[in-house]
């Protein structure tokens, strides 16, 4: 069976707009996504990070580099400022090579980001 490209979504929030909080929370999110989906870094194609406009103290992609994900293409972007949106939020979309069915992929929402997808938060 040949592998296909699938995507894993995730999000977390931070208490403060500090480099430490952003990198710590991002590492926790990436580690949890990796654990729940039994990811090997060799299967990761690319990672797209977004942050709400109230986060500018660090690039969350730095956390991936600190985990040793050195050869994976990464990009960071700011989200649009929508009234009522969750604050201090980091989102991630990870593209992987996988033989998993879409319903087997486990998306991960941590901290206040659980409010974004209560149906997926666990």
PDB file of N, CA and C in Angstrom:
ATOM      1  N   UNK A   1       0.840  -1.172   0.000  1.00  0.00           N
ATOM      2  CA  UNK A   1       0.000   0.000   0.000  1.00  0.00           C
ATOM      3  C   UNK A   1       0.887   1.237   0.000  1.00  0.00           C
ATOM      4  N   UNK A   2       0.685   2.148  -0.921  1.00  0.00           N
ATOM      5  CA  UNK A   2       1.499   3.355  -0.983  1.00  0.00           C
ATOM      6  C   UNK A   2       0.950   4.406  -0.028  1.00  0.00           C
ATOM      7  N   UNK A   3       1.856   5.232   0.471  1.00  0.00           N
ATOM      8  CA  UNK A   3       1.422   6.260   1.413  1.00  0.00           C
ATOM      9  C   UNK A   3       0.817   7.441   0.664  1.00  0.00           C
ATOM     10  N   UNK A   4       0.094   8.253   1.408  1.00  0.00           N
ATOM     11  CA  UNK A   4      -0.534   9.442   0.854  1.00  0.00           C
ATOM     12  C   UNK A   4      -0.234  10.599   1.795  1.00  0.00           C
ATOM     13  N   UNK A   5      -0.510  11.807   1.331  1.00  0.00           N
ATOM     14  CA  UNK A   5      -0.320  12.976   2.173  1.00  0.00           C
ATOM     15  C   UNK A   5      -1.595  13.206   2.974  1.00  0.00           C
ATOM     16  N   UNK A   6      -1.441  13.307   4.291  1.00  0.00           N
ATOM     17  CA  UNK A   6      -2.552  13.656   5.170  1.00  0.00           C
ATOM     18  C   UNK A   6      -2.087  14.807   6.052  1.00  0.00           C
ATOM     19  N   UNK A   7      -3.048  15.498   6.647  1.00  0.00           N
ATOM     20  CA  UNK A   7      -2.724  16.641   7.490  1.00  0.00           C
ATOM     21  C   UNK A   7      -3.236  16.421   8.902  1.00  0.00           C
ATOM     22  N   UNK A   8      -2.459  16.900   9.846  1.00  0.00           N
ATOM     23  CA  UNK A   8      -2.830  16.862  11.256  1.00  0.00           C
ATOM     24  C   UNK A   8      -2.952  18.300  11.726  1.00  0.00           C
ATOM     25  N   UNK A   9      -4.085  18.603  12.376  1.00  0.00           N
ATOM     26  CA  UNK A   9      -4.297  19.938  12.923  1.00  0.00           C
ATOM     27  C   UNK A   9      -4.041  19.925  14.416  1.00  0.00           C
ATOM     28  N   UNK A  10      -3.657  21.090  14.916  1.00  0.00           N
ATOM     29  CA  UNK A  10      -3.496  21.231  16.348  1.00  0.00           C
ATOM     30  C   UNK A  10      -3.449  22.695  16.727  1.00  0.00           C
ATOM     31  N   UNK A  11      -3.682  22.964  17.997  1.00  0.00           N
ATOM     32  CA  UNK A  11      -3.610  24.330  18.500  1.00  0.00           C
ATOM     33  C   UNK A  11      -3.398  24.304  20.002  1.00  0.00           C
ATOM     34  N   UNK A  12      -2.825  25.388  20.476  1.00  0.00           N
ATOM     35  CA  UNK A  12      -2.639  25.582  21.908  1.00  0.00           C
ATOM     36  C   UNK A  12      -2.674  27.076  22.182  1.00  0.00           C
ATOM     37  N   UNK A  13      -2.698  27.423  23.440  1.00  0.00           N
ATOM     38  CA  UNK A  13      -2.631  28.829  23.830  1.00  0.00           C
ATOM     39  C   UNK A  13      -1.507  29.007  24.841  1.00  0.00           C
ATOM     40  N   UNK A  14      -1.100  30.249  25.008  1.00  0.00           N
ATOM     41  CA  UNK A  14      -0.069  30.581  25.986  1.00  0.00           C
ATOM     42  C   UNK A  14      -0.625  31.609  26.960  1.00  0.00           C
ATOM     43  N   UNK A  15      -0.028  31.662  28.139  1.00  0.00           N
ATOM     44  CA  UNK A  15      -0.452  32.642  29.133  1.00  0.00           C
ATOM     45  C   UNK A  15       0.081  34.038  28.811  1.00  0.00           C
ATOM     46  N   UNK A  16       1.332  34.093  28.384  1.00  0.00           N
ATOM     47  CA  UNK A  16       1.989  35.375  28.137  1.00  0.00           C
ATOM     48  C   UNK A  16       2.680  35.381  26.780  1.00  0.00           C
ATOM     49  N   UNK A  17       2.805  36.554  26.208  1.00  0.00           N
ATOM     50  CA  UNK A  17       3.516  36.738  24.950  1.00  0.00           C
ATOM     51  C   UNK A  17       5.018  36.836  25.237  1.00  0.00           C
ATOM     52  N   UNK A  18       5.592  35.685  25.608  1.00  0.00           N
ATOM     53  CA  UNK A  18       7.030  35.621  25.861  1.00  0.00           C
ATOM     54  C   UNK A  18       7.616  34.495  25.021  1.00  0.00           C
ATOM     55  N   UNK A  19       8.893  34.634  24.727  1.00  0.00           N
ATOM     56  CA  UNK A  19       9.575  33.585  23.969  1.00  0.00           C
ATOM     57  C   UNK A  19       9.453  32.244  24.688  1.00  0.00           C
ATOM     58  N   UNK A  20       9.664  32.261  26.012  1.00  0.00           N
ATOM     59  CA  UNK A  20       9.600  31.020  26.788  1.00  0.00           C
ATOM     60  C   UNK A  20       8.234  30.365  26.674  1.00  0.00           C
ATOM     61  N   UNK A  21       7.156  31.130  26.876  1.00  0.00           N
ATOM     62  CA  UNK A  21       5.805  30.558  26.811  1.00  0.00           C
ATOM     63  C   UNK A  21       5.484  30.025  25.418  1.00  0.00           C
ATOM     64  N   UNK A  22       5.833  30.787  24.396  1.00  0.00           N
ATOM     65  CA  UNK A  22       5.534  30.371  23.018  1.00  0.00           C
ATOM     66  C   UNK A  22       6.267  29.084  22.672  1.00  0.00           C
ATOM     67  N   UNK A  23       7.560  29.023  22.975  1.00  0.00           N
ATOM     68  CA  UNK A  23       8.331  27.834  22.620  1.00  0.00           C
ATOM     69  C   UNK A  23       7.954  26.625  23.471  1.00  0.00           C
ATOM     70  N   UNK A  24       7.714  26.834  24.750  1.00  0.00           N
ATOM     71  CA  UNK A  24       7.315  25.728  25.626  1.00  0.00           C
ATOM     72  C   UNK A  24       5.981  25.133  25.180  1.00  0.00           C
ATOM     73  N   UNK A  25       4.990  25.983  24.943  1.00  0.00           N
ATOM     74  CA  UNK A  25       3.668  25.487  24.533  1.00  0.00           C
ATOM     75  C   UNK A  25       3.713  24.832  23.160  1.00  0.00           C
ATOM     76  N   UNK A  26       4.508  25.382  22.254  1.00  0.00           N
ATOM     77  CA  UNK A  26       4.616  24.788  20.920  1.00  0.00           C
ATOM     78  C   UNK A  26       5.292  23.427  20.988  1.00  0.00           C
ATOM     79  N   UNK A  27       6.347  23.310  21.775  1.00  0.00           N
ATOM     80  CA  UNK A  27       7.006  22.000  21.946  1.00  0.00           C
ATOM     81  C   UNK A  27       6.032  20.981  22.529  1.00  0.00           C
ATOM     82  N   UNK A  28       5.249  21.388  23.537  1.00  0.00           N
ATOM     83  CA  UNK A  28       4.260  20.477  24.130  1.00  0.00           C
ATOM     84  C   UNK A  28       3.246  20.026  23.079  1.00  0.00           C
ATOM     85  N   UNK A  29       2.777  20.955  22.253  1.00  0.00           N
ATOM     86  CA  UNK A  29       1.803  20.618  21.213  1.00  0.00           C
ATOM     87  C   UNK A  29       2.409  19.656  20.197  1.00  0.00           C
ATOM     88  N   UNK A  30       3.590  19.967  19.688  1.00  0.00           N
ATOM     89  CA  UNK A  30       4.230  19.105  18.684  1.00  0.00           C
ATOM     90  C   UNK A  30       4.547  17.726  19.255  1.00  0.00           C
ATOM     91  N   UNK A  31       4.984  17.685  20.490  1.00  0.00           N
ATOM     92  CA  UNK A  31       5.297  16.403  21.132  1.00  0.00           C
ATOM     93  C   UNK A  31       4.034  15.567  21.295  1.00  0.00           C
ATOM     94  N   UNK A  32       2.941  16.194  21.704  1.00  0.00           N
ATOM     95  CA  UNK A  32       1.685  15.462  21.885  1.00  0.00           C
ATOM     96  C   UNK A  32       1.126  14.968  20.555  1.00  0.00           C
ATOM     97  N   UNK A  33       1.195  15.811  19.520  1.00  0.00           N
ATOM     98  CA  UNK A  33       0.753  15.387  18.184  1.00  0.00           C
ATOM     99  C   UNK A  33       1.591  14.196  17.720  1.00  0.00           C
ATOM    100  N   UNK A  34       2.890  14.307  17.902  1.00  0.00           N
ATOM    101  CA  UNK A  34       3.798  13.239  17.487  1.00  0.00           C
ATOM    102  C   UNK A  34       3.503  11.936  18.227  1.00  0.00           C
ATOM    103  N   UNK A  35       3.292  12.035  19.526  1.00  0.00           N
ATOM    104  CA  UNK A  35       3.010  10.846  20.351  1.00  0.00           C
ATOM    105  C   UNK A  35       1.691  10.191  19.949  1.00  0.00           C
ATOM    106  N   UNK A  36       0.641  10.992  19.865  1.00  0.00           N
ATOM    107  CA  UNK A  36      -0.683  10.430  19.567  1.00  0.00           C
ATOM    108  C   UNK A  36      -0.774   9.830  18.176  1.00  0.00           C
ATOM    109  N   UNK A  37       0.028  10.342  17.248  1.00  0.00           N
ATOM    110  CA  UNK A  37      -0.035   9.854  15.866  1.00  0.00           C
ATOM    111  C   UNK A  37       1.164   8.987  15.492  1.00  0.00           C
ATOM    112  N   UNK A  38       1.995   8.669  16.479  1.00  0.00           N
ATOM    113  CA  UNK A  38       3.177   7.832  16.277  1.00  0.00           C
ATOM    114  C   UNK A  38       3.995   8.314  15.081  1.00  0.00           C
ATOM    115  N   UNK A  39       4.278   9.634  15.078  1.00  0.00           N
ATOM    116  CA  UNK A  39       5.006  10.234  13.965  1.00  0.00           C
ATOM    117  C   UNK A  39       6.494   9.962  14.046  1.00  0.00           C
ATOM    118  N   UNK A  40       7.078   9.717  12.905  1.00  0.00           N
ATOM    119  CA  UNK A  40       8.520   9.727  12.734  1.00  0.00           C
ATOM    120  C   UNK A  40       8.835  11.002  11.977  1.00  0.00           C
ATOM    121  N   UNK A  41       9.866  11.722  12.386  1.00  0.00           N
ATOM    122  CA  UNK A  41      10.143  12.989  11.720  1.00  0.00           C
ATOM    123  C   UNK A  41      10.416  12.799  10.224  1.00  0.00           C
ATOM    124  N   UNK A  42      10.828  11.617   9.826  1.00  0.00           N
ATOM    125  CA  UNK A  42      11.069  11.340   8.405  1.00  0.00           C
ATOM    126  C   UNK A  42       9.781  11.362   7.586  1.00  0.00           C
ATOM    127  N   UNK A  43       8.631  11.184   8.254  1.00  0.00           N
ATOM    128  CA  UNK A  43       7.340  11.181   7.565  1.00  0.00           C
ATOM    129  C   UNK A  43       6.733  12.577   7.431  1.00  0.00           C
ATOM    130  N   UNK A  44       7.311  13.550   8.132  1.00  0.00           N
ATOM    131  CA  UNK A  44       6.762  14.910   8.100  1.00  0.00           C
ATOM    132  C   UNK A  44       7.226  15.615   6.833  1.00  0.00           C
ATOM    133  N   UNK A  45       6.279  16.117   6.062  1.00  0.00           N
ATOM    134  CA  UNK A  45       6.579  16.813   4.811  1.00  0.00           C
ATOM    135  C   UNK A  45       6.829  18.292   5.069  1.00  0.00           C
ATOM    136  N   UNK A  46       5.927  18.935   5.801  1.00  0.00           N
ATOM    137  CA  UNK A  46       6.064  20.352   6.116  1.00  0.00           C
ATOM    138  C   UNK A  46       5.140  20.696   7.275  1.00  0.00           C
ATOM    139  N   UNK A  47       5.437  21.833   7.899  1.00  0.00           N
ATOM    140  CA  UNK A  47       4.612  22.309   9.008  1.00  0.00           C
ATOM    141  C   UNK A  47       4.331  23.783   8.808  1.00  0.00           C
ATOM    142  N   UNK A  48       3.059  24.130   8.922  1.00  0.00           N
ATOM    143  CA  UNK A  48       2.600  25.504   8.796  1.00  0.00           C
ATOM    144  C   UNK A  48       2.087  25.953  10.150  1.00  0.00           C
ATOM    145  N   UNK A  49       2.706  26.997  10.711  1.00  0.00           N
ATOM    146  CA  UNK A  49       2.314  27.554  11.996  1.00  0.00           C
ATOM    147  C   UNK A  49       1.607  28.886  11.770  1.00  0.00           C
ATOM    148  N   UNK A  50       0.568  29.158  12.559  1.00  0.00           N
ATOM    149  CA  UNK A  50       0.003  30.496  12.605  1.00  0.00           C
ATOM    150  C   UNK A  50      -0.116  30.908  14.063  1.00  0.00           C
ATOM    151  N   UNK A  51      -0.059  32.221  14.271  1.00  0.00           N
ATOM    152  CA  UNK A  51      -0.237  32.772  15.611  1.00  0.00           C
ATOM    153  C   UNK A  51      -1.210  33.936  15.525  1.00  0.00           C
ATOM    154  N   UNK A  52      -1.941  34.139  16.610  1.00  0.00           N
ATOM    155  CA  UNK A  52      -2.801  35.309  16.669  1.00  0.00           C
ATOM    156  C   UNK A  52      -1.915  36.554  16.761  1.00  0.00           C
ATOM    157  N   UNK A  53      -2.499  37.694  16.436  1.00  0.00           N
ATOM    158  CA  UNK A  53      -1.703  38.917  16.335  1.00  0.00           C
ATOM    159  C   UNK A  53      -1.160  39.414  17.663  1.00  0.00           C
ATOM    160  N   UNK A  54      -1.609  38.847  18.769  1.00  0.00           N
ATOM    161  CA  UNK A  54      -1.089  39.243  20.070  1.00  0.00           C
ATOM    162  C   UNK A  54       0.146  38.439  20.480  1.00  0.00           C
ATOM    163  N   UNK A  55       0.662  37.602  19.574  1.00  0.00           N
ATOM    164  CA  UNK A  55       1.883  36.836  19.832  1.00  0.00           C
ATOM    165  C   UNK A  55       2.963  37.238  18.832  1.00  0.00           C
ATOM    166  N   UNK A  56       4.020  37.845  19.341  1.00  0.00           N
ATOM    167  CA  UNK A  56       5.113  38.249  18.456  1.00  0.00           C
ATOM    168  C   UNK A  56       6.485  38.147  19.116  1.00  0.00           C
ATOM    169  N   UNK A  57       6.571  37.428  20.233  1.00  0.00           N
ATOM    170  CA  UNK A  57       7.830  37.328  20.968  1.00  0.00           C
ATOM    171  C   UNK A  57       8.762  36.243  20.422  1.00  0.00           C
ATOM    172  N   UNK A  58       8.240  35.336  19.619  1.00  0.00           N
ATOM    173  CA  UNK A  58       9.064  34.250  19.067  1.00  0.00           C
ATOM    174  C   UNK A  58       8.333  33.590  17.904  1.00  0.00           C
ATOM    175  N   UNK A  59       9.113  32.959  17.044  1.00  0.00           N
ATOM    176  CA  UNK A  59       8.549  32.128  15.983  1.00  0.00           C
ATOM    177  C   UNK A  59       8.286  30.742  16.573  1.00  0.00           C
ATOM    178  N   UNK A  60       7.059  30.230  16.503  1.00  0.00           N
ATOM    179  CA  UNK A  60       6.821  28.887  17.045  1.00  0.00           C
ATOM    180  C   UNK A  60       7.612  27.808  16.304  1.00  0.00           C
ATOM    181  N   UNK A  61       7.996  28.065  15.077  1.00  0.00           N
ATOM    182  CA  UNK A  61       8.783  27.081  14.327  1.00  0.00           C
ATOM    183  C   UNK A  61      10.113  26.778  15.009  1.00  0.00           C
ATOM    184  N   UNK A  62      10.611  27.706  15.789  1.00  0.00           N
ATOM    185  CA  UNK A  62      11.865  27.473  16.518  1.00  0.00           C
ATOM    186  C   UNK A  62      11.737  26.259  17.429  1.00  0.00           C
ATOM    187  N   UNK A  63      10.550  26.019  17.974  1.00  0.00           N
ATOM    188  CA  UNK A  63      10.331  24.860  18.836  1.00  0.00           C
ATOM    189  C   UNK A  63      10.538  23.556  18.065  1.00  0.00           C
ATOM    190  N   UNK A  64      10.105  23.529  16.805  1.00  0.00           N
ATOM    191  CA  UNK A  64      10.315  22.337  15.980  1.00  0.00           C
ATOM    192  C   UNK A  64      11.806  22.101  15.756  1.00  0.00           C
ATOM    193  N   UNK A  65      12.536  23.169  15.516  1.00  0.00           N
ATOM    194  CA  UNK A  65      13.989  23.040  15.339  1.00  0.00           C
ATOM    195  C   UNK A  65      14.633  22.511  16.621  1.00  0.00           C
ATOM    196  N   UNK A  66      14.148  22.984  17.772  1.00  0.00           N
ATOM    197  CA  UNK A  66      14.694  22.518  19.048  1.00  0.00           C
ATOM    198  C   UNK A  66      14.393  21.046  19.300  1.00  0.00           C
ATOM    199  N   UNK A  67      13.343  20.520  18.663  1.00  0.00           N
ATOM    200  CA  UNK A  67      13.021  19.096  18.773  1.00  0.00           C
ATOM    201  C   UNK A  67      13.856  18.249  17.806  1.00  0.00           C
ATOM    202  N   UNK A  68      14.703  18.907  17.015  1.00  0.00           N
ATOM    203  CA  UNK A  68      15.552  18.194  16.073  1.00  0.00           C
ATOM    204  C   UNK A  68      14.943  18.027  14.697  1.00  0.00           C
ATOM    205  N   UNK A  69      13.868  18.749  14.422  1.00  0.00           N
ATOM    206  CA  UNK A  69      13.212  18.660  13.120  1.00  0.00           C
ATOM    207  C   UNK A  69      13.874  19.662  12.174  1.00  0.00           C
ATOM    208  N   UNK A  70      15.152  19.430  11.895  1.00  0.00           N
ATOM    209  CA  UNK A  70      15.988  20.394  11.177  1.00  0.00           C
ATOM    210  C   UNK A  70      15.755  20.467   9.675  1.00  0.00           C
ATOM    211  N   UNK A  71      15.391  19.376   9.040  1.00  0.00           N
ATOM    212  CA  UNK A  71      15.273  19.359   7.581  1.00  0.00           C
ATOM    213  C   UNK A  71      13.849  19.554   7.078  1.00  0.00           C
ATOM    214  N   UNK A  72      12.915  19.721   7.992  1.00  0.00           N
ATOM    215  CA  UNK A  72      11.501  19.866   7.623  1.00  0.00           C
ATOM    216  C   UNK A  72      11.224  21.323   7.261  1.00  0.00           C
ATOM    217  N   UNK A  73      10.612  21.578   6.096  1.00  0.00           N
ATOM    218  CA  UNK A  73      10.238  22.953   5.761  1.00  0.00           C
ATOM    219  C   UNK A  73       9.163  23.472   6.737  1.00  0.00           C
ATOM    220  N   UNK A  74       9.416  24.656   7.272  1.00  0.00           N
ATOM    221  CA  UNK A  74       8.525  25.277   8.246  1.00  0.00           C
ATOM    222  C   UNK A  74       8.181  26.687   7.798  1.00  0.00           C
ATOM    223  N   UNK A  75       6.986  27.140   8.135  1.00  0.00           N
ATOM    224  CA  UNK A  75       6.604  28.517   7.871  1.00  0.00           C
ATOM    225  C   UNK A  75       5.724  29.009   9.007  1.00  0.00           C
ATOM    226  N   UNK A  76       5.865  30.294   9.321  1.00  0.00           N
ATOM    227  CA  UNK A  76       5.042  30.930  10.348  1.00  0.00           C
ATOM    228  C   UNK A  76       4.295  32.099   9.717  1.00  0.00           C
ATOM    229  N   UNK A  77       3.061  32.319  10.180  1.00  0.00           N
ATOM    230  CA  UNK A  77       2.258  33.426   9.661  1.00  0.00           C
ATOM    231  C   UNK A  77       1.363  33.967  10.773  1.00  0.00           C
ATOM    232  N   UNK A  78       0.939  35.216  10.593  1.00  0.00           N
ATOM    233  CA  UNK A  78      -0.029  35.823  11.506  1.00  0.00           C
ATOM    234  C   UNK A  78      -1.432  35.569  10.994  1.00  0.00           C
ATOM    235  N   UNK A  79      -2.339  35.322  11.914  1.00  0.00           N
ATOM    236  CA  UNK A  79      -3.744  35.171  11.561  1.00  0.00           C
ATOM    237  C   UNK A  79      -4.395  36.541  11.453  1.00  0.00           C
ATOM    238  N   UNK A  80      -5.510  36.605  10.766  1.00  0.00           N
ATOM    239  CA  UNK A  80      -6.252  37.854  10.716  1.00  0.00           C
ATOM    240  C   UNK A  80      -6.885  38.109  12.077  1.00  0.00           C
ATOM    241  N   UNK A  81      -7.047  39.371  12.400  1.00  0.00           N
ATOM    242  CA  UNK A  81      -7.575  39.758  13.703  1.00  0.00           C
ATOM    243  C   UNK A  81      -9.097  39.813  13.633  1.00  0.00           C
ATOM    244  N   UNK A  82      -9.729  38.727  14.040  1.00  0.00           N
ATOM    245  CA  UNK A  82     -11.184  38.611  13.972  1.00  0.00           C
ATOM    246  C   UNK A  82     -11.768  38.915  15.351  1.00  0.00           C
ATOM    247  N   UNK A  83     -12.752  39.816  15.423  1.00  0.00           N
ATOM    248  CA  UNK A  83     -13.361  40.103  16.725  1.00  0.00           C
ATOM    249  C   UNK A  83     -13.907  38.831  17.370  1.00  0.00           C
ATOM    250  N   UNK A  84     -13.609  38.670  18.661  1.00  0.00           N
ATOM    251  CA  UNK A  84     -14.098  37.514  19.395  1.00  0.00           C
ATOM    252  C   UNK A  84     -13.256  36.260  19.266  1.00  0.00           C
ATOM    253  N   UNK A  85     -12.177  36.322  18.484  1.00  0.00           N
ATOM    254  CA  UNK A  85     -11.326  35.142  18.309  1.00  0.00           C
ATOM    255  C   UNK A  85     -10.580  34.837  19.599  1.00  0.00           C
ATOM    256  N   UNK A  86     -10.196  33.597  19.755  1.00  0.00           N
ATOM    257  CA  UNK A  86      -9.411  33.187  20.907  1.00  0.00           C
ATOM    258  C   UNK A  86      -8.079  33.935  20.874  1.00  0.00           C
ATOM    259  N   UNK A  87      -7.579  34.328  22.032  1.00  0.00           N
ATOM    260  CA  UNK A  87      -6.335  35.103  22.077  1.00  0.00           C
ATOM    261  C   UNK A  87      -5.145  34.215  22.420  1.00  0.00           C
ATOM    262  N   UNK A  88      -3.968  34.738  22.108  1.00  0.00           N
ATOM    263  CA  UNK A  88      -2.686  34.079  22.400  1.00  0.00           C
ATOM    264  C   UNK A  88      -2.700  32.615  21.962  1.00  0.00           C
ATOM    265  N   UNK A  89      -3.052  32.418  20.711  1.00  0.00           N
ATOM    266  CA  UNK A  89      -3.229  31.066  20.166  1.00  0.00           C
ATOM    267  C   UNK A  89      -2.187  30.749  19.102  1.00  0.00           C
ATOM    268  N   UNK A  90      -1.677  29.545  19.167  1.00  0.00           N
ATOM    269  CA  UNK A  90      -0.744  29.002  18.178  1.00  0.00           C
ATOM    270  C   UNK A  90      -1.436  27.823  17.519  1.00  0.00           C
ATOM    271  N   UNK A  91      -1.507  27.849  16.199  1.00  0.00           N
ATOM    272  CA  UNK A  91      -2.099  26.725  15.466  1.00  0.00           C
ATOM    273  C   UNK A  91      -1.028  26.091  14.590  1.00  0.00           C
ATOM    274  N   UNK A  92      -1.243  24.838  14.287  1.00  0.00           N
ATOM    275  CA  UNK A  92      -0.290  24.113  13.459  1.00  0.00           C
ATOM    276  C   UNK A  92      -1.053  23.210  12.487  1.00  0.00           C
ATOM    277  N   UNK A  93      -0.508  23.098  11.290  1.00  0.00           N
ATOM    278  CA  UNK A  93      -1.007  22.155  10.293  1.00  0.00           C
ATOM    279  C   UNK A  93       0.219  21.389   9.798  1.00  0.00           C
ATOM    280  N   UNK A  94       0.240  20.099  10.105  1.00  0.00           N
ATOM    281  CA  UNK A  94       1.384  19.250   9.771  1.00  0.00           C
ATOM    282  C   UNK A  94       0.986  18.327   8.627  1.00  0.00           C
ATOM    283  N   UNK A  95       1.749  18.372   7.540  1.00  0.00           N
ATOM    284  CA  UNK A  95       1.531  17.476   6.404  1.00  0.00           C
ATOM    285  C   UNK A  95       2.490  16.295   6.546  1.00  0.00           C
ATOM    286  N   UNK A  96       1.938  15.081   6.451  1.00  0.00           N
ATOM    287  CA  UNK A  96       2.758  13.887   6.622  1.00  0.00           C
ATOM    288  C   UNK A  96       2.479  12.874   5.506  1.00  0.00           C
ATOM    289  N   UNK A  97       3.450  12.011   5.292  1.00  0.00           N
ATOM    290  CA  UNK A  97       3.246  10.813   4.485  1.00  0.00           C
ATOM    291  C   UNK A  97       2.713   9.751   5.433  1.00  0.00           C
ATOM    292  N   UNK A  98       1.597   9.129   5.067  1.00  0.00           N
ATOM    293  CA  UNK A  98       0.994   8.171   5.991  1.00  0.00           C
ATOM    294  C   UNK A  98       0.154   7.142   5.256  1.00  0.00           C
ATOM    295  N   UNK A  99       0.032   5.989   5.853  1.00  0.00           N
ATOM    296  CA  UNK A  99      -0.901   4.971   5.384  1.00  0.00           C
ATOM    297  C   UNK A  99      -2.187   4.987   6.204  1.00  0.00           C
ATOM    298  N   UNK A 100      -2.265   5.908   7.170  1.00  0.00           N
ATOM    299  CA  UNK A 100      -3.435   5.989   8.044  1.00  0.00           C
ATOM    300  C   UNK A 100      -4.654   6.497   7.296  1.00  0.00           C
ATOM    301  N   UNK A 101      -5.807   6.016   7.739  1.00  0.00           N
ATOM    302  CA  UNK A 101      -7.070   6.547   7.231  1.00  0.00           C
ATOM    303  C   UNK A 101      -7.307   7.889   7.915  1.00  0.00           C
ATOM    304  N   UNK A 102      -8.036   8.774   7.266  1.00  0.00           N
ATOM    305  CA  UNK A 102      -8.281  10.099   7.832  1.00  0.00           C
ATOM    306  C   UNK A 102      -8.901  10.028   9.221  1.00  0.00           C
ATOM    307  N   UNK A 103      -9.800   9.083   9.439  1.00  0.00           N
ATOM    308  CA  UNK A 103     -10.439   8.972  10.746  1.00  0.00           C
ATOM    309  C   UNK A 103      -9.484   8.438  11.824  1.00  0.00           C
ATOM    310  N   UNK A 104      -8.317   7.941  11.424  1.00  0.00           N
ATOM    311  CA  UNK A 104      -7.328   7.466  12.393  1.00  0.00           C
ATOM    312  C   UNK A 104      -6.387   8.580  12.858  1.00  0.00           C
ATOM    313  N   UNK A 105      -6.370   9.681  12.140  1.00  0.00           N
ATOM    314  CA  UNK A 105      -5.511  10.809  12.496  1.00  0.00           C
ATOM    315  C   UNK A 105      -6.068  11.478  13.745  1.00  0.00           C
ATOM    316  N   UNK A 106      -5.195  11.750  14.690  1.00  0.00           N
ATOM    317  CA  UNK A 106      -5.640  12.381  15.928  1.00  0.00           C
ATOM    318  C   UNK A 106      -5.160  13.831  15.975  1.00  0.00           C
ATOM    319  N   UNK A 107      -6.102  14.742  15.862  1.00  0.00           N
ATOM    320  CA  UNK A 107      -5.829  16.168  15.949  1.00  0.00           C
ATOM    321  C   UNK A 107      -5.756  16.534  17.427  1.00  0.00           C
ATOM    322  N   UNK A 108      -4.936  17.526  17.765  1.00  0.00           N
ATOM    323  CA  UNK A 108      -4.665  17.816  19.167  1.00  0.00           C
ATOM    324  C   UNK A 108      -4.918  19.285  19.475  1.00  0.00           C
ATOM    325  N   UNK A 109      -5.756  19.524  20.462  1.00  0.00           N
ATOM    326  CA  UNK A 109      -6.056  20.881  20.944  1.00  0.00           C
ATOM    327  C   UNK A 109      -5.799  20.919  22.437  1.00  0.00           C
ATOM    328  N   UNK A 110      -4.932  21.838  22.853  1.00  0.00           N
ATOM    329  CA  UNK A 110      -4.530  21.933  24.246  1.00  0.00           C
ATOM    330  C   UNK A 110      -4.910  23.294  24.839  1.00  0.00           C
ATOM    331  N   UNK A 111      -4.980  23.345  26.157  1.00  0.00           N
ATOM    332  CA  UNK A 111      -5.243  24.586  26.891  1.00  0.00           C
ATOM    333  C   UNK A 111      -6.545  25.226  26.417  1.00  0.00           C
ATOM    334  N   UNK A 112      -6.590  26.551  26.312  1.00  0.00           N
ATOM    335  CA  UNK A 112      -7.829  27.219  25.898  1.00  0.00           C
ATOM    336  C   UNK A 112      -8.191  26.934  24.441  1.00  0.00           C
ATOM    337  N   UNK A 113      -7.257  26.418  23.669  1.00  0.00           N
ATOM    338  CA  UNK A 113      -7.548  26.083  22.269  1.00  0.00           C
ATOM    339  C   UNK A 113      -8.547  24.936  22.153  1.00  0.00           C
ATOM    340  N   UNK A 114      -8.795  24.238  23.239  1.00  0.00           N
ATOM    341  CA  UNK A 114      -9.819  23.187  23.231  1.00  0.00           C
ATOM    342  C   UNK A 114     -11.179  23.760  22.854  1.00  0.00           C
ATOM    343  N   UNK A 115     -11.388  25.045  23.114  1.00  0.00           N
ATOM    344  CA  UNK A 115     -12.651  25.700  22.776  1.00  0.00           C
ATOM    345  C   UNK A 115     -12.859  25.785  21.260  1.00  0.00           C
ATOM    346  N   UNK A 116     -11.776  25.737  20.500  1.00  0.00           N
ATOM    347  CA  UNK A 116     -11.872  25.830  19.041  1.00  0.00           C
ATOM    348  C   UNK A 116     -12.555  24.600  18.451  1.00  0.00           C
ATOM    349  N   UNK A 117     -12.243  23.438  18.982  1.00  0.00           N
ATOM    350  CA  UNK A 117     -12.803  22.184  18.496  1.00  0.00           C
ATOM    351  C   UNK A 117     -13.102  21.262  19.654  1.00  0.00           C
ATOM    352  N   UNK A 118     -14.147  21.577  20.430  1.00  0.00           N
ATOM    353  CA  UNK A 118     -14.459  20.723  21.577  1.00  0.00           C
ATOM    354  C   UNK A 118     -14.725  19.276  21.192  1.00  0.00           C
ATOM    355  N   UNK A 119     -15.144  19.056  19.949  1.00  0.00           N
ATOM    356  CA  UNK A 119     -15.386  17.690  19.487  1.00  0.00           C
ATOM    357  C   UNK A 119     -14.090  16.898  19.315  1.00  0.00           C
ATOM    358  N   UNK A 120     -12.962  17.595  19.178  1.00  0.00           N
ATOM    359  CA  UNK A 120     -11.673  16.922  19.004  1.00  0.00           C
ATOM    360  C   UNK A 120     -10.791  17.008  20.241  1.00  0.00           C
ATOM    361  N   UNK A 121     -11.143  17.849  21.176  1.00  0.00           N
ATOM    362  CA  UNK A 121     -10.307  18.052  22.367  1.00  0.00           C
ATOM    363  C   UNK A 121     -10.427  16.857  23.302  1.00  0.00           C
ATOM    364  N   UNK A 122      -9.280  16.323  23.667  1.00  0.00           N
ATOM    365  CA  UNK A 122      -9.252  15.221  24.625  1.00  0.00           C
ATOM    366  C   UNK A 122      -7.963  15.235  25.391  1.00  0.00           C
TER     367      UNK A 122
END
